[in-house]
Amino acid sequence: MKPVFVDTSGFYAFLDRTDPFHDQASTFFLRARDEGWGLFTSSYVVHETWALIQARLGWGAVEDWLSSLLPLCEVVWVDETLHRLGMARARQVRERRLSLTDCVSFEVMSARNCLEAIADDEHFRKLGYLPPKD
């Protein structure tokens, strides 16, 4: 099973047809279903995604995401160790636009030797985490 991380940007793009990454995200989620990818995300991404969808798209979109898209993913619950690793990474990099959620995501991906992500985020690309390959 091919492990693929799902970032907030991937979830959001799938739901928002006006997002420039929408078509790619939709294709990736369909392929994931058809090809049996092992999609996973973190509890921090769940929190971040919920807030973004609620603020920009409303409760109906939150309910759609919770009932149709999120169940496709295993949620890795962030514990104290993962949180501290993410904090250490963020403090080491000290980049203004790099979030703690992203740093925790990189730690989760690293722990699973995963290099592919459904994400439209410069920080993922910068670290070599790329969209899923054929």
N, C-alpha and C. Protein backbone atom coordinates (compact mmCIF):
# COMPACT_ATOMS: atom_id res chain seq x y z
N MET A 1 0.85 -1.18 0.00
CA MET A 1 0.00 0.00 0.00
C MET A 1 0.89 1.24 0.00
N LYS A 2 0.59 2.15 -0.89
CA LYS A 2 1.37 3.37 -1.06
C LYS A 2 0.97 4.40 0.00
N PRO A 3 1.89 4.80 0.90
CA PRO A 3 1.54 5.80 1.91
C PRO A 3 1.57 7.21 1.32
N VAL A 4 0.50 7.95 1.53
CA VAL A 4 0.41 9.33 1.03
C VAL A 4 -0.21 10.19 2.12
N PHE A 5 0.51 11.24 2.49
CA PHE A 5 0.03 12.17 3.51
C PHE A 5 -0.94 13.16 2.88
N VAL A 6 -1.96 13.57 3.64
CA VAL A 6 -2.90 14.58 3.16
C VAL A 6 -2.79 15.82 4.04
N ASP A 7 -2.47 16.92 3.40
CA ASP A 7 -2.32 18.22 4.07
C ASP A 7 -3.62 19.00 3.98
N THR A 8 -3.74 20.01 4.80
CA THR A 8 -4.88 20.92 4.76
C THR A 8 -5.12 21.44 3.35
N SER A 9 -4.07 21.82 2.66
CA SER A 9 -4.21 22.37 1.32
C SER A 9 -4.83 21.37 0.35
N GLY A 10 -4.57 20.10 0.54
CA GLY A 10 -5.18 19.06 -0.29
C GLY A 10 -6.65 18.88 0.00
N PHE A 11 -6.99 18.80 1.28
CA PHE A 11 -8.39 18.69 1.67
C PHE A 11 -9.19 19.89 1.16
N TYR A 12 -8.65 21.07 1.42
CA TYR A 12 -9.36 22.30 1.08
C TYR A 12 -9.57 22.42 -0.44
N ALA A 13 -8.52 22.15 -1.19
CA ALA A 13 -8.62 22.28 -2.65
C ALA A 13 -9.68 21.34 -3.22
N PHE A 14 -9.78 20.15 -2.65
CA PHE A 14 -10.80 19.21 -3.12
C PHE A 14 -12.19 19.80 -2.96
N LEU A 15 -12.44 20.48 -1.85
CA LEU A 15 -13.77 21.01 -1.53
C LEU A 15 -14.09 22.33 -2.23
N ASP A 16 -13.07 23.12 -2.54
CA ASP A 16 -13.29 24.44 -3.13
C ASP A 16 -12.97 24.40 -4.62
N ARG A 17 -14.01 24.38 -5.42
CA ARG A 17 -13.83 24.26 -6.89
C ARG A 17 -13.09 25.45 -7.49
N THR A 18 -13.00 26.56 -6.75
CA THR A 18 -12.29 27.73 -7.27
C THR A 18 -10.80 27.70 -6.93
N ASP A 19 -10.38 26.75 -6.11
CA ASP A 19 -8.97 26.64 -5.72
C ASP A 19 -8.15 26.17 -6.92
N PRO A 20 -7.01 26.79 -7.19
CA PRO A 20 -6.18 26.39 -8.34
C PRO A 20 -5.72 24.93 -8.29
N PHE A 21 -5.67 24.33 -7.12
CA PHE A 21 -5.21 22.95 -6.95
C PHE A 21 -6.38 21.95 -6.98
N HIS A 22 -7.60 22.44 -7.18
CA HIS A 22 -8.79 21.60 -7.09
C HIS A 22 -8.74 20.38 -8.02
N ASP A 23 -8.45 20.60 -9.29
CA ASP A 23 -8.47 19.49 -10.24
C ASP A 23 -7.45 18.42 -9.87
N GLN A 24 -6.25 18.84 -9.49
CA GLN A 24 -5.21 17.88 -9.09
C GLN A 24 -5.62 17.13 -7.83
N ALA A 25 -6.11 17.87 -6.85
CA ALA A 25 -6.51 17.23 -5.59
C ALA A 25 -7.62 16.21 -5.85
N SER A 26 -8.58 16.57 -6.67
CA SER A 26 -9.68 15.65 -6.99
C SER A 26 -9.14 14.39 -7.65
N THR A 27 -8.23 14.55 -8.59
CA THR A 27 -7.63 13.40 -9.27
C THR A 27 -6.89 12.52 -8.27
N PHE A 28 -6.14 13.13 -7.36
CA PHE A 28 -5.38 12.35 -6.37
C PHE A 28 -6.32 11.55 -5.46
N PHE A 29 -7.39 12.16 -4.99
CA PHE A 29 -8.32 11.43 -4.11
C PHE A 29 -9.01 10.29 -4.84
N LEU A 30 -9.36 10.50 -6.10
CA LEU A 30 -9.97 9.42 -6.88
C LEU A 30 -8.97 8.28 -7.10
N ARG A 31 -7.74 8.63 -7.42
CA ARG A 31 -6.70 7.61 -7.58
C ARG A 31 -6.46 6.86 -6.27
N ALA A 32 -6.45 7.59 -5.18
CA ALA A 32 -6.23 6.97 -3.87
C ALA A 32 -7.28 5.90 -3.61
N ARG A 33 -8.52 6.25 -3.90
CA ARG A 33 -9.62 5.30 -3.72
C ARG A 33 -9.47 4.10 -4.66
N ASP A 34 -9.23 4.38 -5.94
CA ASP A 34 -9.17 3.33 -6.95
C ASP A 34 -7.94 2.43 -6.82
N GLU A 35 -6.82 3.01 -6.38
CA GLU A 35 -5.56 2.27 -6.31
C GLU A 35 -5.22 1.79 -4.90
N GLY A 36 -6.06 2.12 -3.93
CA GLY A 36 -5.86 1.64 -2.57
C GLY A 36 -4.69 2.26 -1.84
N TRP A 37 -4.46 3.54 -2.04
CA TRP A 37 -3.38 4.21 -1.32
C TRP A 37 -3.69 4.23 0.17
N GLY A 38 -2.66 4.26 0.98
CA GLY A 38 -2.81 4.39 2.42
C GLY A 38 -2.74 5.86 2.81
N LEU A 39 -3.86 6.56 2.69
CA LEU A 39 -3.89 7.98 3.04
C LEU A 39 -3.84 8.15 4.55
N PHE A 40 -3.09 9.15 4.98
CA PHE A 40 -3.03 9.47 6.40
C PHE A 40 -2.81 10.96 6.58
N THR A 41 -3.17 11.45 7.73
CA THR A 41 -3.01 12.85 8.07
C THR A 41 -2.77 12.92 9.57
N SER A 42 -2.63 14.11 10.11
CA SER A 42 -2.43 14.24 11.55
C SER A 42 -3.63 14.93 12.19
N SER A 43 -3.75 14.76 13.48
CA SER A 43 -4.84 15.43 14.21
C SER A 43 -4.67 16.95 14.14
N TYR A 44 -3.44 17.44 13.98
CA TYR A 44 -3.24 18.89 13.84
C TYR A 44 -3.79 19.37 12.49
N VAL A 45 -3.60 18.57 11.44
CA VAL A 45 -4.16 18.92 10.14
C VAL A 45 -5.68 18.89 10.20
N VAL A 46 -6.24 17.93 10.91
CA VAL A 46 -7.70 17.87 11.07
C VAL A 46 -8.20 19.17 11.71
N HIS A 47 -7.55 19.59 12.76
CA HIS A 47 -7.94 20.83 13.45
C HIS A 47 -7.82 22.03 12.51
N GLU A 48 -6.70 22.14 11.84
CA GLU A 48 -6.45 23.27 10.95
C GLU A 48 -7.45 23.28 9.78
N THR A 49 -7.70 22.11 9.22
CA THR A 49 -8.61 22.00 8.08
C THR A 49 -10.03 22.37 8.48
N TRP A 50 -10.46 21.85 9.61
CA TRP A 50 -11.81 22.16 10.11
C TRP A 50 -11.99 23.67 10.20
N ALA A 51 -11.05 24.35 10.83
CA ALA A 51 -11.15 25.81 11.02
C ALA A 51 -11.19 26.54 9.67
N LEU A 52 -10.36 26.12 8.74
CA LEU A 52 -10.30 26.77 7.43
C LEU A 52 -11.58 26.57 6.64
N ILE A 53 -12.07 25.33 6.60
CA ILE A 53 -13.29 25.03 5.86
C ILE A 53 -14.48 25.76 6.48
N GLN A 54 -14.58 25.73 7.80
CA GLN A 54 -15.69 26.40 8.48
C GLN A 54 -15.69 27.89 8.17
N ALA A 55 -14.53 28.52 8.22
CA ALA A 55 -14.44 29.96 8.01
C ALA A 55 -14.70 30.36 6.56
N ARG A 56 -14.19 29.56 5.63
CA ARG A 56 -14.29 29.97 4.21
C ARG A 56 -15.47 29.37 3.46
N LEU A 57 -15.87 28.15 3.80
CA LEU A 57 -16.90 27.47 3.01
C LEU A 57 -18.17 27.19 3.78
N GLY A 58 -18.11 27.25 5.11
CA GLY A 58 -19.31 27.07 5.93
C GLY A 58 -19.50 25.65 6.45
N TRP A 59 -20.55 25.51 7.27
CA TRP A 59 -20.81 24.25 7.97
C TRP A 59 -21.15 23.10 7.04
N GLY A 60 -21.85 23.37 5.96
CA GLY A 60 -22.18 22.31 5.02
C GLY A 60 -20.93 21.64 4.47
N ALA A 61 -19.93 22.45 4.17
CA ALA A 61 -18.67 21.91 3.65
C ALA A 61 -17.93 21.13 4.74
N VAL A 62 -18.00 21.59 5.98
CA VAL A 62 -17.39 20.85 7.09
C VAL A 62 -18.02 19.46 7.18
N GLU A 63 -19.35 19.42 7.13
CA GLU A 63 -20.04 18.14 7.21
C GLU A 63 -19.70 17.24 6.03
N ASP A 64 -19.59 17.80 4.83
CA ASP A 64 -19.19 17.01 3.66
C ASP A 64 -17.80 16.41 3.86
N TRP A 65 -16.88 17.23 4.34
CA TRP A 65 -15.51 16.79 4.57
C TRP A 65 -15.47 15.68 5.63
N LEU A 66 -16.21 15.89 6.73
CA LEU A 66 -16.22 14.90 7.80
C LEU A 66 -16.84 13.57 7.39
N SER A 67 -17.82 13.62 6.52
CA SER A 67 -18.52 12.39 6.16
C SER A 67 -17.95 11.69 4.93
N SER A 68 -17.29 12.42 4.04
CA SER A 68 -16.85 11.78 2.81
C SER A 68 -15.34 11.72 2.61
N LEU A 69 -14.63 12.75 2.98
CA LEU A 69 -13.20 12.81 2.68
C LEU A 69 -12.32 12.35 3.83
N LEU A 70 -12.57 12.87 5.02
CA LEU A 70 -11.74 12.50 6.16
C LEU A 70 -11.75 11.00 6.45
N PRO A 71 -12.88 10.30 6.29
CA PRO A 71 -12.86 8.85 6.55
C PRO A 71 -11.94 8.04 5.64
N LEU A 72 -11.48 8.63 4.55
CA LEU A 72 -10.53 7.94 3.67
C LEU A 72 -9.13 7.89 4.27
N CYS A 73 -8.92 8.65 5.33
CA CYS A 73 -7.58 8.80 5.92
C CYS A 73 -7.49 8.21 7.32
N GLU A 74 -6.34 7.65 7.60
CA GLU A 74 -5.99 7.33 8.99
C GLU A 74 -5.54 8.63 9.64
N VAL A 75 -6.04 8.91 10.82
CA VAL A 75 -5.60 10.10 11.55
C VAL A 75 -4.55 9.68 12.56
N VAL A 76 -3.36 10.26 12.42
CA VAL A 76 -2.28 10.04 13.37
C VAL A 76 -2.45 11.10 14.46
N TRP A 77 -2.71 10.64 15.67
CA TRP A 77 -2.95 11.57 16.77
C TRP A 77 -1.62 12.06 17.31
N VAL A 78 -1.48 13.37 17.37
CA VAL A 78 -0.23 13.99 17.82
C VAL A 78 -0.14 13.87 19.33
N ASP A 79 0.94 13.23 19.76
CA ASP A 79 1.19 13.09 21.20
C ASP A 79 2.28 14.10 21.59
N GLU A 80 2.68 14.04 22.84
CA GLU A 80 3.67 15.00 23.33
C GLU A 80 4.99 14.89 22.56
N THR A 81 5.41 13.68 22.24
CA THR A 81 6.67 13.49 21.52
C THR A 81 6.62 14.14 20.14
N LEU A 82 5.57 13.86 19.38
CA LEU A 82 5.44 14.46 18.04
C LEU A 82 5.35 15.98 18.13
N HIS A 83 4.63 16.47 19.11
CA HIS A 83 4.50 17.91 19.30
C HIS A 83 5.87 18.54 19.55
N ARG A 84 6.64 17.92 20.43
CA ARG A 84 7.97 18.45 20.75
C ARG A 84 8.91 18.39 19.53
N LEU A 85 8.83 17.31 18.76
CA LEU A 85 9.64 17.21 17.54
C LEU A 85 9.27 18.31 16.55
N GLY A 86 7.98 18.55 16.38
CA GLY A 86 7.53 19.61 15.50
C GLY A 86 7.98 20.98 15.98
N MET A 87 7.90 21.21 17.28
CA MET A 87 8.37 22.48 17.85
C MET A 87 9.86 22.66 17.61
N ALA A 88 10.63 21.61 17.82
CA ALA A 88 12.08 21.70 17.62
C ALA A 88 12.40 22.03 16.17
N ARG A 89 11.68 21.40 15.24
CA ARG A 89 11.91 21.67 13.82
C ARG A 89 11.57 23.12 13.50
N ALA A 90 10.43 23.59 13.98
CA ALA A 90 10.00 24.97 13.70
C ALA A 90 10.99 25.97 14.28
N ARG A 91 11.47 25.71 15.48
CA ARG A 91 12.42 26.62 16.13
C ARG A 91 13.77 26.61 15.45
N GLN A 92 14.13 25.47 14.88
CA GLN A 92 15.41 25.38 14.17
C GLN A 92 15.33 26.15 12.86
N VAL A 93 14.25 26.01 12.13
CA VAL A 93 14.10 26.65 10.82
C VAL A 93 13.83 28.15 10.96
N ARG A 94 12.99 28.51 11.92
CA ARG A 94 12.68 29.91 12.21
C ARG A 94 12.20 30.68 10.98
N GLU A 95 11.31 30.05 10.22
CA GLU A 95 10.75 30.69 9.03
C GLU A 95 9.37 31.22 9.38
N ARG A 96 9.15 32.45 9.07
CA ARG A 96 7.92 33.13 9.49
C ARG A 96 6.65 32.42 9.02
N ARG A 97 6.62 31.91 7.80
CA ARG A 97 5.39 31.33 7.25
C ARG A 97 5.30 29.81 7.41
N LEU A 98 6.25 29.21 8.07
CA LEU A 98 6.22 27.75 8.29
C LEU A 98 5.51 27.48 9.62
N SER A 99 4.39 26.78 9.55
CA SER A 99 3.57 26.58 10.75
C SER A 99 4.02 25.37 11.57
N LEU A 100 3.61 25.36 12.81
CA LEU A 100 3.84 24.21 13.68
C LEU A 100 3.13 22.98 13.10
N THR A 101 1.94 23.18 12.55
CA THR A 101 1.22 22.06 11.94
C THR A 101 2.04 21.44 10.82
N ASP A 102 2.63 22.26 9.96
CA ASP A 102 3.47 21.73 8.88
C ASP A 102 4.67 20.97 9.45
N CYS A 103 5.30 21.53 10.46
CA CYS A 103 6.48 20.87 11.04
C CYS A 103 6.11 19.52 11.66
N VAL A 104 4.97 19.46 12.32
CA VAL A 104 4.50 18.18 12.85
C VAL A 104 4.19 17.23 11.70
N SER A 105 3.60 17.73 10.63
CA SER A 105 3.31 16.90 9.46
C SER A 105 4.59 16.27 8.91
N PHE A 106 5.65 17.05 8.84
CA PHE A 106 6.92 16.52 8.32
C PHE A 106 7.47 15.43 9.23
N GLU A 107 7.29 15.59 10.53
CA GLU A 107 7.74 14.56 11.47
C GLU A 107 6.91 13.27 11.30
N VAL A 108 5.61 13.42 11.10
CA VAL A 108 4.73 12.26 10.90
C VAL A 108 5.13 11.55 9.61
N MET A 109 5.36 12.31 8.55
CA MET A 109 5.75 11.71 7.27
C MET A 109 7.10 11.02 7.38
N SER A 110 8.03 11.66 8.04
CA SER A 110 9.37 11.09 8.21
C SER A 110 9.32 9.76 8.95
N ALA A 111 8.50 9.70 9.99
CA ALA A 111 8.38 8.48 10.78
C ALA A 111 7.85 7.31 9.95
N ARG A 112 7.13 7.63 8.88
CA ARG A 112 6.56 6.59 8.02
C ARG A 112 7.31 6.45 6.69
N ASN A 113 8.44 7.12 6.58
CA ASN A 113 9.23 7.09 5.34
C ASN A 113 8.37 7.44 4.14
N CYS A 114 7.54 8.42 4.28
CA CYS A 114 6.62 8.85 3.23
C CYS A 114 7.16 10.11 2.57
N LEU A 115 7.24 10.09 1.24
CA LEU A 115 7.73 11.25 0.49
C LEU A 115 6.67 11.87 -0.40
N GLU A 116 5.43 11.36 -0.33
CA GLU A 116 4.38 11.87 -1.20
C GLU A 116 3.25 12.45 -0.37
N ALA A 117 2.72 13.56 -0.86
CA ALA A 117 1.64 14.23 -0.14
C ALA A 117 0.66 14.87 -1.11
N ILE A 118 -0.60 14.81 -0.74
CA ILE A 118 -1.60 15.60 -1.45
C ILE A 118 -1.56 16.95 -0.77
N ALA A 119 -0.78 17.83 -1.36
CA ALA A 119 -0.51 19.13 -0.75
C ALA A 119 -0.14 20.14 -1.83
N ASP A 120 -0.58 21.35 -1.64
CA ASP A 120 -0.20 22.46 -2.51
C ASP A 120 0.42 23.50 -1.59
N ASP A 121 1.64 23.21 -1.17
CA ASP A 121 2.30 24.02 -0.14
C ASP A 121 3.79 24.08 -0.46
N GLU A 122 4.31 25.28 -0.54
CA GLU A 122 5.72 25.47 -0.90
C GLU A 122 6.67 24.76 0.07
N HIS A 123 6.30 24.67 1.34
CA HIS A 123 7.18 24.05 2.32
C HIS A 123 7.31 22.55 2.08
N PHE A 124 6.24 21.90 1.64
CA PHE A 124 6.30 20.48 1.31
C PHE A 124 7.25 20.27 0.13
N ARG A 125 7.07 21.07 -0.92
CA ARG A 125 7.93 20.94 -2.11
C ARG A 125 9.39 21.21 -1.76
N LYS A 126 9.62 22.22 -0.96
CA LYS A 126 10.98 22.62 -0.59
C LYS A 126 11.74 21.47 0.10
N LEU A 127 11.01 20.67 0.87
CA LEU A 127 11.63 19.54 1.58
C LEU A 127 11.60 18.23 0.78
N GLY A 128 11.11 18.30 -0.46
CA GLY A 128 11.10 17.12 -1.30
C GLY A 128 9.88 16.25 -1.16
N TYR A 129 8.85 16.73 -0.46
CA TYR A 129 7.59 15.99 -0.35
C TYR A 129 6.75 16.38 -1.56
N LEU A 130 6.57 15.47 -2.46
CA LEU A 130 5.97 15.76 -3.75
C LEU A 130 4.58 15.14 -3.91
N PRO A 131 3.83 15.64 -4.89
CA PRO A 131 2.54 14.99 -5.17
C PRO A 131 2.76 13.55 -5.58
N PRO A 132 1.76 12.72 -5.37
CA PRO A 132 1.91 11.28 -5.72
C PRO A 132 2.27 11.09 -7.19
N LYS A 133 3.13 10.10 -7.41
CA LYS A 133 3.57 9.77 -8.77
C LYS A 133 2.67 8.69 -9.34
N ASP A 134 2.78 8.53 -10.63
CA ASP A 134 2.04 7.45 -11.30
C ASP A 134 2.56 6.09 -10.91
